[in-house]
All heavy atoms as atom14 arrays in JSON, in Angstrom:
{
  "sequence": "LALGDEGTIFVGTRSEGRVYALKDSDGDFRADTTYIIAKGLNSP",
  "atom14_mask": [
    [1, 1, 1, 1, 1, 1, 1, 1, 0, 0, 0, 0, 0, 0],
    [1, 1, 1, 1, 1, 0, 0, 0, 0, 0, 0, 0, 0, 0],
    [1, 1, 1, 1, 1, 1, 1, 1, 0, 0, 0, 0, 0, 0],
    [1, 1, 1, 1, 0, 0, 0, 0, 0, 0, 0, 0, 0, 0],
    [1, 1, 1, 1, 1, 1, 1, 1, 0, 0, 0, 0, 0, 0],
    [1, 1, 1, 1, 1, 1, 1, 1, 1, 0, 0, 0, 0, 0],
    [1, 1, 1, 1, 0, 0, 0, 0, 0, 0, 0, 0, 0, 0],
    [1, 1, 1, 1, 1, 1, 1, 0, 0, 0, 0, 0, 0, 0],
    [1, 1, 1, 1, 1, 1, 1, 1, 0, 0, 0, 0, 0, 0],
    [1, 1, 1, 1, 1, 1, 1, 1, 1, 1, 1, 0, 0, 0],
    [1, 1, 1, 1, 1, 1, 1, 0, 0, 0, 0, 0, 0, 0],
    [1, 1, 1, 1, 0, 0, 0, 0, 0, 0, 0, 0, 0, 0],
    [1, 1, 1, 1, 1, 1, 1, 0, 0, 0, 0, 0, 0, 0],
    [1, 1, 1, 1, 1, 1, 1, 1, 1, 1, 1, 0, 0, 0],
    [1, 1, 1, 1, 1, 1, 0, 0, 0, 0, 0, 0, 0, 0],
    [1, 1, 1, 1, 1, 1, 1, 1, 1, 0, 0, 0, 0, 0],
    [1, 1, 1, 1, 0, 0, 0, 0, 0, 0, 0, 0, 0, 0],
    [1, 1, 1, 1, 1, 1, 1, 1, 1, 1, 1, 0, 0, 0],
    [1, 1, 1, 1, 1, 1, 1, 0, 0, 0, 0, 0, 0, 0],
    [1, 1, 1, 1, 1, 1, 1, 1, 1, 1, 1, 1, 0, 0],
    [1, 1, 1, 1, 1, 0, 0, 0, 0, 0, 0, 0, 0, 0],
    [1, 1, 1, 1, 1, 1, 1, 1, 0, 0, 0, 0, 0, 0],
    [1, 1, 1, 1, 1, 1, 1, 1, 1, 0, 0, 0, 0, 0],
    [1, 1, 1, 1, 1, 1, 1, 1, 0, 0, 0, 0, 0, 0],
    [1, 1, 1, 1, 1, 1, 0, 0, 0, 0, 0, 0, 0, 0],
    [1, 1, 1, 1, 1, 1, 1, 1, 0, 0, 0, 0, 0, 0],
    [1, 1, 1, 1, 0, 0, 0, 0, 0, 0, 0, 0, 0, 0],
    [1, 1, 1, 1, 1, 1, 1, 1, 0, 0, 0, 0, 0, 0],
    [1, 1, 1, 1, 1, 1, 1, 1, 1, 1, 1, 0, 0, 0],
    [1, 1, 1, 1, 1, 1, 1, 1, 1, 1, 1, 0, 0, 0],
    [1, 1, 1, 1, 1, 0, 0, 0, 0, 0, 0, 0, 0, 0],
    [1, 1, 1, 1, 1, 1, 1, 1, 0, 0, 0, 0, 0, 0],
    [1, 1, 1, 1, 1, 1, 1, 0, 0, 0, 0, 0, 0, 0],
    [1, 1, 1, 1, 1, 1, 1, 0, 0, 0, 0, 0, 0, 0],
    [1, 1, 1, 1, 1, 1, 1, 1, 1, 1, 1, 1, 0, 0],
    [1, 1, 1, 1, 1, 1, 1, 1, 0, 0, 0, 0, 0, 0],
    [1, 1, 1, 1, 1, 1, 1, 1, 0, 0, 0, 0, 0, 0],
    [1, 1, 1, 1, 1, 0, 0, 0, 0, 0, 0, 0, 0, 0],
    [1, 1, 1, 1, 1, 1, 1, 1, 1, 0, 0, 0, 0, 0],
    [1, 1, 1, 1, 0, 0, 0, 0, 0, 0, 0, 0, 0, 0],
    [1, 1, 1, 1, 1, 1, 1, 1, 0, 0, 0, 0, 0, 0],
    [1, 1, 1, 1, 1, 1, 1, 1, 0, 0, 0, 0, 0, 0],
    [1, 1, 1, 1, 1, 1, 0, 0, 0, 0, 0, 0, 0, 0],
    [1, 1, 1, 1, 1, 1, 1, 0, 0, 0, 0, 0, 0, 0]
  ],
  "atom14_positions": [
    [[103.76, 105.64, 95.76], [102.6, 105.04, 96.52], [103.11, 104.13, 97.61], [104.1, 103.42, 97.47], [101.73, 104.23, 95.56], [101.15, 104.97, 94.33], [100.5, 103.99, 93.37], [100.16, 106.03, 94.77], [0.0, 0.0, 0.0], [0.0, 0.0, 0.0], [0.0, 0.0, 0.0], [0.0, 0.0, 0.0], [0.0, 0.0, 0.0], [0.0, 0.0, 0.0]],
    [[102.34, 104.12, 98.69], [102.65, 103.21, 99.84], [101.28, 102.8, 100.46], [100.34, 103.62, 100.49], [103.57, 103.82, 100.86], [0.0, 0.0, 0.0], [0.0, 0.0, 0.0], [0.0, 0.0, 0.0], [0.0, 0.0, 0.0], [0.0, 0.0, 0.0], [0.0, 0.0, 0.0], [0.0, 0.0, 0.0], [0.0, 0.0, 0.0], [0.0, 0.0, 0.0]],
    [[101.25, 101.62, 100.99], [100.0, 101.08, 101.55], [100.12, 100.9, 103.06], [101.1, 100.31, 103.57], [99.74, 99.67, 100.92], [98.47, 98.98, 101.38], [97.21, 99.71, 101.07], [98.42, 97.56, 100.75], [0.0, 0.0, 0.0], [0.0, 0.0, 0.0], [0.0, 0.0, 0.0], [0.0, 0.0, 0.0], [0.0, 0.0, 0.0], [0.0, 0.0, 0.0]],
    [[99.15, 101.46, 103.8], [99.17, 101.36, 105.25], [98.48, 100.07, 105.71], [97.84, 99.39, 104.96], [0.0, 0.0, 0.0], [0.0, 0.0, 0.0], [0.0, 0.0, 0.0], [0.0, 0.0, 0.0], [0.0, 0.0, 0.0], [0.0, 0.0, 0.0], [0.0, 0.0, 0.0], [0.0, 0.0, 0.0], [0.0, 0.0, 0.0], [0.0, 0.0, 0.0]],
    [[98.65, 99.78, 107.0], [98.05, 98.54, 107.55], [96.51, 98.53, 107.53], [95.93, 97.47, 107.43], [98.5, 98.41, 109.03], [99.98, 98.09, 109.13], [100.56, 97.52, 108.18], [100.57, 98.37, 110.24], [0.0, 0.0, 0.0], [0.0, 0.0, 0.0], [0.0, 0.0, 0.0], [0.0, 0.0, 0.0], [0.0, 0.0, 0.0], [0.0, 0.0, 0.0]],
    [[95.92, 99.69, 107.53], [94.47, 99.81, 107.53], [93.92, 100.15, 106.11], [92.75, 100.59, 105.97], [94.02, 100.86, 108.57], [94.41, 100.52, 110.0], [94.08, 101.58, 110.99], [93.25, 102.46, 110.6], [94.57, 101.53, 112.13], [0.0, 0.0, 0.0], [0.0, 0.0, 0.0], [0.0, 0.0, 0.0], [0.0, 0.0, 0.0], [0.0, 0.0, 0.0]],
    [[94.72, 99.9, 105.12], [94.29, 100.1, 103.74], [94.44, 101.53, 103.23], [94.01, 101.81, 102.06], [0.0, 0.0, 0.0], [0.0, 0.0, 0.0], [0.0, 0.0, 0.0], [0.0, 0.0, 0.0], [0.0, 0.0, 0.0], [0.0, 0.0, 0.0], [0.0, 0.0, 0.0], [0.0, 0.0, 0.0], [0.0, 0.0, 0.0], [0.0, 0.0, 0.0]],
    [[95.05, 102.46, 103.94], [95.23, 103.8, 103.49], [96.27, 103.79, 102.39], [97.34, 103.14, 102.51], [95.7, 104.73, 104.64], [94.82, 104.56, 105.73], [95.76, 106.14, 104.17], [0.0, 0.0, 0.0], [0.0, 0.0, 0.0], [0.0, 0.0, 0.0], [0.0, 0.0, 0.0], [0.0, 0.0, 0.0], [0.0, 0.0, 0.0], [0.0, 0.0, 0.0]],
    [[96.03, 104.52, 101.32], [97.0, 104.72, 100.25], [97.68, 106.06, 100.44], [97.04, 107.11, 100.41], [96.31, 104.62, 98.86], [95.43, 103.39, 98.72], [97.37, 104.74, 97.77], [96.18, 102.12, 98.8], [0.0, 0.0, 0.0], [0.0, 0.0, 0.0], [0.0, 0.0, 0.0], [0.0, 0.0, 0.0], [0.0, 0.0, 0.0], [0.0, 0.0, 0.0]],
    [[98.98, 106.04, 100.66], [99.75, 107.3, 100.81], [100.41, 107.64, 99.47], [100.91, 106.74, 98.77], [100.79, 107.14, 101.91], [100.2, 106.87, 103.28], [100.08, 105.6, 103.79], [99.69, 107.98, 103.98], [99.53, 105.41, 105.05], [99.09, 107.75, 105.26], [99.04, 106.47, 105.79], [0.0, 0.0, 0.0], [0.0, 0.0, 0.0], [0.0, 0.0, 0.0]],
    [[100.41, 108.91, 99.15], [100.86, 109.37, 97.85], [101.8, 110.54, 97.98], [101.46, 111.54, 98.61], [99.68, 109.79, 96.95], [100.13, 110.05, 95.53], [98.56, 108.76, 96.96], [0.0, 0.0, 0.0], [0.0, 0.0, 0.0], [0.0, 0.0, 0.0], [0.0, 0.0, 0.0], [0.0, 0.0, 0.0], [0.0, 0.0, 0.0], [0.0, 0.0, 0.0]],
    [[103.0, 110.42, 97.46], [103.98, 111.53, 97.43], [103.84, 112.35, 96.15], [103.2, 111.95, 95.2], [0.0, 0.0, 0.0], [0.0, 0.0, 0.0], [0.0, 0.0, 0.0], [0.0, 0.0, 0.0], [0.0, 0.0, 0.0], [0.0, 0.0, 0.0], [0.0, 0.0, 0.0], [0.0, 0.0, 0.0], [0.0, 0.0, 0.0], [0.0, 0.0, 0.0]],
    [[104.47, 113.54, 96.17], [104.47, 114.4, 95.01], [105.84, 115.01, 94.83], [106.71, 114.83, 95.68], [103.4, 115.54, 95.12], [103.81, 116.4, 96.2], [102.05, 114.96, 95.39], [0.0, 0.0, 0.0], [0.0, 0.0, 0.0], [0.0, 0.0, 0.0], [0.0, 0.0, 0.0], [0.0, 0.0, 0.0], [0.0, 0.0, 0.0], [0.0, 0.0, 0.0]],
    [[106.02, 115.8, 93.8], [107.27, 116.58, 93.62], [107.03, 118.05, 93.8], [106.96, 118.58, 94.93], [107.91, 116.27, 92.3], [108.73, 114.98, 92.29], [109.35, 114.72, 90.91], [110.13, 115.84, 90.39], [110.6, 115.94, 89.17], [110.41, 114.95, 88.31], [111.32, 116.98, 88.84], [0.0, 0.0, 0.0], [0.0, 0.0, 0.0], [0.0, 0.0, 0.0]],
    [[106.78, 118.8, 92.72], [106.67, 120.23, 92.83], [105.47, 120.7, 93.62], [105.45, 121.86, 94.15], [106.57, 120.85, 91.39], [105.46, 120.32, 90.69], [0.0, 0.0, 0.0], [0.0, 0.0, 0.0], [0.0, 0.0, 0.0], [0.0, 0.0, 0.0], [0.0, 0.0, 0.0], [0.0, 0.0, 0.0], [0.0, 0.0, 0.0], [0.0, 0.0, 0.0]],
    [[104.47, 119.85, 93.78], [103.3, 120.2, 94.58], [103.64, 120.28, 96.03], [102.91, 120.97, 96.81], [102.14, 119.21, 94.36], [101.56, 119.18, 92.93], [102.48, 118.61, 91.91], [103.45, 117.87, 92.31], [102.23, 118.8, 90.74], [0.0, 0.0, 0.0], [0.0, 0.0, 0.0], [0.0, 0.0, 0.0], [0.0, 0.0, 0.0], [0.0, 0.0, 0.0]],
    [[104.63, 119.56, 96.52], [105.07, 119.65, 97.94], [104.12, 119.02, 98.89], [104.21, 119.24, 100.08], [0.0, 0.0, 0.0], [0.0, 0.0, 0.0], [0.0, 0.0, 0.0], [0.0, 0.0, 0.0], [0.0, 0.0, 0.0], [0.0, 0.0, 0.0], [0.0, 0.0, 0.0], [0.0, 0.0, 0.0], [0.0, 0.0, 0.0], [0.0, 0.0, 0.0]],
    [[103.19, 118.15, 98.4], [102.17, 117.57, 99.25], [102.34, 116.1, 99.45], [102.89, 115.43, 98.59], [100.78, 117.85, 98.65], [100.32, 119.28, 98.57], [98.96, 119.42, 97.98], [98.42, 120.77, 98.08], [97.21, 121.15, 97.69], [96.39, 120.23, 97.18], [96.81, 122.39, 97.86], [0.0, 0.0, 0.0], [0.0, 0.0, 0.0], [0.0, 0.0, 0.0]],
    [[101.81, 115.62, 100.55], [101.68, 114.18, 100.78], [100.21, 113.91, 101.03], [99.58, 114.6, 101.91], [102.5, 113.71, 101.96], [102.28, 112.19, 102.18], [104.0, 113.99, 101.7], [0.0, 0.0, 0.0], [0.0, 0.0, 0.0], [0.0, 0.0, 0.0], [0.0, 0.0, 0.0], [0.0, 0.0, 0.0], [0.0, 0.0, 0.0], [0.0, 0.0, 0.0]],
    [[99.61, 113.03, 100.27], [98.18, 112.73, 100.4], [97.97, 111.33, 101.1], [98.9, 110.51, 101.11], [97.51, 112.54, 99.01], [97.59, 113.78, 98.1], [98.57, 113.86, 97.16], [96.59, 114.74, 98.16], [98.66, 114.96, 96.27], [96.63, 115.82, 97.28], [97.66, 115.93, 96.35], [97.7, 117.01, 95.51], [0.0, 0.0, 0.0], [0.0, 0.0, 0.0]],
    [[96.77, 111.17, 101.61], [96.29, 109.85, 102.1], [94.92, 109.63, 101.54], [94.03, 110.5, 101.65], [96.29, 109.82, 103.62], [0.0, 0.0, 0.0], [0.0, 0.0, 0.0], [0.0, 0.0, 0.0], [0.0, 0.0, 0.0], [0.0, 0.0, 0.0], [0.0, 0.0, 0.0], [0.0, 0.0, 0.0], [0.0, 0.0, 0.0], [0.0, 0.0, 0.0]],
    [[94.69, 108.5, 100.92], [93.43, 108.16, 100.33], [92.78, 106.99, 101.05], [93.43, 106.03, 101.41], [93.61, 107.73, 98.83], [94.46, 108.67, 97.94], [94.57, 108.06, 96.55], [93.86, 110.06, 97.89], [0.0, 0.0, 0.0], [0.0, 0.0, 0.0], [0.0, 0.0, 0.0], [0.0, 0.0, 0.0], [0.0, 0.0, 0.0], [0.0, 0.0, 0.0]],
    [[91.47, 107.13, 101.32], [90.7, 106.07, 101.98], [89.57, 105.59, 101.13], [88.81, 106.37, 100.58], [90.18, 106.58, 103.34], [91.22, 106.94, 104.36], [91.94, 105.65, 104.93], [91.04, 104.85, 105.74], [91.76, 103.69, 106.38], [0.0, 0.0, 0.0], [0.0, 0.0, 0.0], [0.0, 0.0, 0.0], [0.0, 0.0, 0.0], [0.0, 0.0, 0.0]],
    [[89.45, 104.28, 101.0], [88.35, 103.65, 100.39], [87.48, 102.99, 101.45], [87.68, 101.81, 101.78], [88.82, 102.64, 99.32], [87.7, 101.75, 98.77], [86.53, 102.18, 98.86], [87.99, 100.67, 98.29], [0.0, 0.0, 0.0], [0.0, 0.0, 0.0], [0.0, 0.0, 0.0], [0.0, 0.0, 0.0], [0.0, 0.0, 0.0], [0.0, 0.0, 0.0]],
    [[86.64, 103.73, 102.05], [85.9, 103.29, 103.26], [84.9, 102.2, 102.98], [84.6, 101.36, 103.82], [85.27, 104.47, 103.94], [86.26, 105.44, 104.32], [0.0, 0.0, 0.0], [0.0, 0.0, 0.0], [0.0, 0.0, 0.0], [0.0, 0.0, 0.0], [0.0, 0.0, 0.0], [0.0, 0.0, 0.0], [0.0, 0.0, 0.0], [0.0, 0.0, 0.0]],
    [[84.26, 102.25, 101.8], [83.19, 101.26, 101.5], [83.62, 100.07, 100.7], [82.8, 99.24, 100.3], [82.01, 102.02, 100.83], [82.42, 102.68, 99.52], [83.56, 102.44, 99.07], [81.59, 103.44, 98.97], [0.0, 0.0, 0.0], [0.0, 0.0, 0.0], [0.0, 0.0, 0.0], [0.0, 0.0, 0.0], [0.0, 0.0, 0.0], [0.0, 0.0, 0.0]],
    [[84.9, 100.02, 100.37], [85.42, 98.84, 99.73], [85.06, 98.64, 98.28], [85.11, 97.54, 97.75], [0.0, 0.0, 0.0], [0.0, 0.0, 0.0], [0.0, 0.0, 0.0], [0.0, 0.0, 0.0], [0.0, 0.0, 0.0], [0.0, 0.0, 0.0], [0.0, 0.0, 0.0], [0.0, 0.0, 0.0], [0.0, 0.0, 0.0], [0.0, 0.0, 0.0]],
    [[84.69, 99.79, 97.57], [84.3, 99.66, 96.19], [85.46, 100.0, 95.24], [85.27, 100.14, 94.02], [83.12, 100.6, 95.9], [83.49, 102.08, 95.98], [84.53, 102.39, 96.52], [82.65, 102.9, 95.63], [0.0, 0.0, 0.0], [0.0, 0.0, 0.0], [0.0, 0.0, 0.0], [0.0, 0.0, 0.0], [0.0, 0.0, 0.0], [0.0, 0.0, 0.0]],
    [[86.69, 100.09, 95.79], [87.91, 100.33, 95.0], [87.78, 101.74, 94.29], [88.28, 101.93, 93.19], [88.18, 99.26, 93.98], [88.5, 97.93, 94.69], [87.56, 96.98, 94.76], [89.76, 97.72, 95.24], [87.82, 95.75, 95.42], [90.03, 96.51, 95.91], [89.06, 95.56, 95.97], [0.0, 0.0, 0.0], [0.0, 0.0, 0.0], [0.0, 0.0, 0.0]],
    [[87.15, 102.65, 94.98], [87.22, 104.1, 94.63], [87.48, 104.87, 95.9], [86.79, 104.62, 96.89], [85.88, 104.59, 93.99], [85.66, 104.08, 92.59], [86.57, 104.81, 91.58], [86.4, 106.29, 91.58], [85.55, 106.9, 90.72], [84.85, 106.24, 89.87], [85.47, 108.18, 90.78], [0.0, 0.0, 0.0], [0.0, 0.0, 0.0], [0.0, 0.0, 0.0]],
    [[88.45, 105.77, 95.89], [88.77, 106.55, 97.07], [87.56, 107.4, 97.46], [87.02, 108.1, 96.6], [89.94, 107.38, 96.82], [0.0, 0.0, 0.0], [0.0, 0.0, 0.0], [0.0, 0.0, 0.0], [0.0, 0.0, 0.0], [0.0, 0.0, 0.0], [0.0, 0.0, 0.0], [0.0, 0.0, 0.0], [0.0, 0.0, 0.0], [0.0, 0.0, 0.0]],
    [[87.13, 107.34, 98.7], [86.04, 108.15, 99.21], [86.51, 109.47, 99.79], [85.78, 110.5, 99.72], [85.27, 107.38, 100.27], [84.79, 106.0, 99.8], [84.06, 105.99, 98.82], [85.18, 105.02, 100.4], [0.0, 0.0, 0.0], [0.0, 0.0, 0.0], [0.0, 0.0, 0.0], [0.0, 0.0, 0.0], [0.0, 0.0, 0.0], [0.0, 0.0, 0.0]],
    [[87.69, 109.47, 100.41], [88.2, 110.64, 101.09], [89.69, 110.8, 100.8], [90.43, 109.82, 100.8], [88.02, 110.51, 102.61], [86.68, 110.08, 102.93], [88.29, 111.85, 103.3], [0.0, 0.0, 0.0], [0.0, 0.0, 0.0], [0.0, 0.0, 0.0], [0.0, 0.0, 0.0], [0.0, 0.0, 0.0], [0.0, 0.0, 0.0], [0.0, 0.0, 0.0]],
    [[90.05, 112.03, 100.5], [91.43, 112.39, 100.28], [91.9, 113.39, 101.36], [91.31, 114.45, 101.48], [91.64, 112.97, 98.88], [91.27, 112.05, 97.86], [93.11, 113.39, 98.67], [0.0, 0.0, 0.0], [0.0, 0.0, 0.0], [0.0, 0.0, 0.0], [0.0, 0.0, 0.0], [0.0, 0.0, 0.0], [0.0, 0.0, 0.0], [0.0, 0.0, 0.0]],
    [[92.88, 112.99, 102.11], [93.48, 113.85, 103.13], [94.81, 114.43, 102.66], [95.53, 113.72, 101.91], [93.74, 113.08, 104.42], [92.58, 112.39, 105.03], [92.19, 111.1, 104.6], [91.85, 112.95, 106.04], [91.13, 110.42, 105.15], [90.77, 112.32, 106.64], [90.4, 111.05, 106.18], [89.35, 110.42, 106.75], [0.0, 0.0, 0.0], [0.0, 0.0, 0.0]],
    [[95.1, 115.61, 103.02], [96.41, 116.19, 102.78], [97.2, 116.11, 104.1], [96.9, 116.81, 105.05], [96.35, 117.61, 102.24], [95.72, 117.6, 100.87], [97.74, 118.22, 102.18], [95.62, 118.95, 100.21], [0.0, 0.0, 0.0], [0.0, 0.0, 0.0], [0.0, 0.0, 0.0], [0.0, 0.0, 0.0], [0.0, 0.0, 0.0], [0.0, 0.0, 0.0]],
    [[98.15, 115.2, 104.17], [98.89, 114.95, 105.38], [99.89, 116.13, 105.66], [100.1, 116.54, 106.79], [99.68, 113.66, 105.27], [98.74, 112.47, 105.06], [100.6, 113.38, 106.5], [97.73, 112.26, 106.19], [0.0, 0.0, 0.0], [0.0, 0.0, 0.0], [0.0, 0.0, 0.0], [0.0, 0.0, 0.0], [0.0, 0.0, 0.0], [0.0, 0.0, 0.0]],
    [[100.48, 116.64, 104.61], [101.44, 117.71, 104.7], [101.52, 118.51, 103.4], [101.18, 118.0, 102.35], [102.83, 117.2, 105.11], [0.0, 0.0, 0.0], [0.0, 0.0, 0.0], [0.0, 0.0, 0.0], [0.0, 0.0, 0.0], [0.0, 0.0, 0.0], [0.0, 0.0, 0.0], [0.0, 0.0, 0.0], [0.0, 0.0, 0.0], [0.0, 0.0, 0.0]],
    [[101.89, 119.76, 103.47], [102.15, 120.54, 102.29], [103.28, 121.5, 102.55], [103.76, 121.67, 103.73], [100.92, 121.26, 101.86], [100.38, 122.31, 102.85], [99.13, 122.98, 102.29], [98.58, 124.04, 103.26], [97.37, 124.68, 102.7], [0.0, 0.0, 0.0], [0.0, 0.0, 0.0], [0.0, 0.0, 0.0], [0.0, 0.0, 0.0], [0.0, 0.0, 0.0]],
    [[103.81, 122.07, 101.48], [104.95, 122.97, 101.61], [106.27, 122.29, 101.8], [107.25, 122.92, 102.13], [0.0, 0.0, 0.0], [0.0, 0.0, 0.0], [0.0, 0.0, 0.0], [0.0, 0.0, 0.0], [0.0, 0.0, 0.0], [0.0, 0.0, 0.0], [0.0, 0.0, 0.0], [0.0, 0.0, 0.0], [0.0, 0.0, 0.0], [0.0, 0.0, 0.0]],
    [[106.29, 121.0, 101.51], [107.57, 120.26, 101.62], [108.39, 120.34, 100.34], [107.84, 120.62, 99.28], [107.31, 118.79, 101.92], [106.5, 118.52, 103.22], [106.36, 117.02, 103.47], [107.13, 119.18, 104.45], [0.0, 0.0, 0.0], [0.0, 0.0, 0.0], [0.0, 0.0, 0.0], [0.0, 0.0, 0.0], [0.0, 0.0, 0.0], [0.0, 0.0, 0.0]],
    [[109.67, 120.07, 100.46], [110.56, 120.17, 99.28], [110.64, 118.81, 98.56], [111.37, 117.93, 98.88], [111.98, 120.56, 99.77], [112.95, 120.8, 98.64], [112.55, 120.9, 97.45], [114.2, 120.99, 98.99], [0.0, 0.0, 0.0], [0.0, 0.0, 0.0], [0.0, 0.0, 0.0], [0.0, 0.0, 0.0], [0.0, 0.0, 0.0], [0.0, 0.0, 0.0]],
    [[109.76, 118.67, 97.55], [109.67, 117.49, 96.72], [109.56, 116.17, 97.53], [110.45, 115.34, 97.51], [110.91, 117.38, 95.8], [110.85, 118.38, 94.81], [0.0, 0.0, 0.0], [0.0, 0.0, 0.0], [0.0, 0.0, 0.0], [0.0, 0.0, 0.0], [0.0, 0.0, 0.0], [0.0, 0.0, 0.0], [0.0, 0.0, 0.0], [0.0, 0.0, 0.0]],
    [[108.46, 116.04, 98.24], [108.27, 114.85, 99.05], [107.82, 113.65, 98.2], [106.74, 113.08, 98.4], [107.2, 115.23, 100.03], [106.34, 116.22, 99.27], [107.3, 116.97, 98.43], [0.0, 0.0, 0.0], [0.0, 0.0, 0.0], [0.0, 0.0, 0.0], [0.0, 0.0, 0.0], [0.0, 0.0, 0.0], [0.0, 0.0, 0.0], [0.0, 0.0, 0.0]]
  ]
}
């Protein structure tokens, strides 16, 4: 896990090969949107 300046939560994976970004836009401490930043990577 890593935290961006604007509150984005970045998430790495292993065999899935994906990197996610999670946004809690309304501040209720539940992610509202999940983005896939990249996929097909070798254990990111």
